[in-house]
């Protein structure tokens, strides 16, 4: 199944990747913890956006078959 990715979803994916790299490289424990929390929030947003995109694709495919 091909899913169309919205600009918002792509931007969130980029942000998650950026935060993932930063938190791994961060030496300061407090800053690493903050980055981890931010990463978790952004990752949840990403999963919700991806789920929405998949559902929209499924709906469109079902409608096209009728």
Protein backbone atom coordinates (compact mmCIF):
# COMPACT_ATOMS: atom_id res chain seq x y z
CA UNK A 1 0.00 0.00 0.00
CA UNK A 2 1.29 3.45 -0.89
CA UNK A 3 0.45 6.18 1.59
CA UNK A 4 0.59 9.86 0.70
CA UNK A 5 2.62 11.72 3.31
CA UNK A 6 1.50 15.22 4.17
CA UNK A 7 3.98 18.07 4.61
CA UNK A 8 3.13 18.08 8.33
CA UNK A 9 3.92 14.39 8.63
CA UNK A 10 7.21 14.82 6.78
CA UNK A 11 8.20 17.79 8.94
CA UNK A 12 7.39 15.81 12.09
CA UNK A 13 9.44 12.87 10.82
CA UNK A 14 12.39 15.19 10.23
CA UNK A 15 12.00 16.62 13.73
CA UNK A 16 11.89 13.13 15.29
CA UNK A 17 15.06 12.14 13.43
CA UNK A 18 16.79 15.35 14.50
CA UNK A 19 15.82 14.88 18.15
CA UNK A 20 16.89 11.25 18.07
CA UNK A 21 20.38 12.22 16.93
CA UNK A 22 20.66 15.12 19.40
CA UNK A 23 19.63 13.08 22.43
CA UNK A 24 22.16 10.34 21.64
CA UNK A 25 24.99 12.86 21.26
CA UNK A 26 24.08 15.06 24.26
CA UNK A 27 26.52 14.90 27.18
CA UNK A 28 24.48 16.92 29.69
CA UNK A 29 22.09 14.55 31.49
CA UNK A 30 19.41 17.19 32.09
CA UNK A 31 19.44 18.28 28.47
CA UNK A 32 19.40 14.64 27.32
CA UNK A 33 16.35 14.02 29.52
CA UNK A 34 14.61 17.07 28.09
CA UNK A 35 15.40 15.95 24.55
CA UNK A 36 14.11 12.46 25.35
CA UNK A 37 10.79 13.86 26.56
CA UNK A 38 10.49 16.07 23.49
CA UNK A 39 11.43 13.12 21.26
CA UNK A 40 8.69 10.99 22.86
CA UNK A 41 6.05 13.68 22.28
CA UNK A 42 7.10 14.21 18.67
CA UNK A 43 7.20 10.46 18.05
CA UNK A 44 3.63 10.11 19.36
CA UNK A 45 2.54 12.93 17.05
CA UNK A 46 4.28 11.20 14.16
CA UNK A 47 2.51 7.91 14.84
CA UNK A 48 -0.88 9.62 15.03
CA UNK A 49 -0.24 11.46 11.75
CA UNK A 50 0.91 8.26 10.08
CA UNK A 51 -2.14 6.38 11.33
CA UNK A 52 -4.38 9.14 9.95
CA UNK A 53 -2.63 8.94 6.57
CA UNK A 54 -3.01 5.15 6.43
CA UNK A 55 -6.70 5.34 7.33
CA UNK A 56 -7.28 8.02 4.68
CA UNK A 57 -5.56 5.82 2.10
CA UNK A 58 -7.66 2.80 3.09
CA UNK A 59 -10.83 4.88 2.86
CA UNK A 60 -9.85 6.24 -0.54
CA UNK A 61 -9.01 2.75 -1.83
CA UNK A 62 -12.32 1.37 -0.57
CA UNK A 63 -14.25 4.22 -2.21
CA UNK A 64 -12.36 3.73 -5.49
CA UNK A 65 -13.33 0.04 -5.59
CA UNK A 66 -17.04 0.83 -5.45
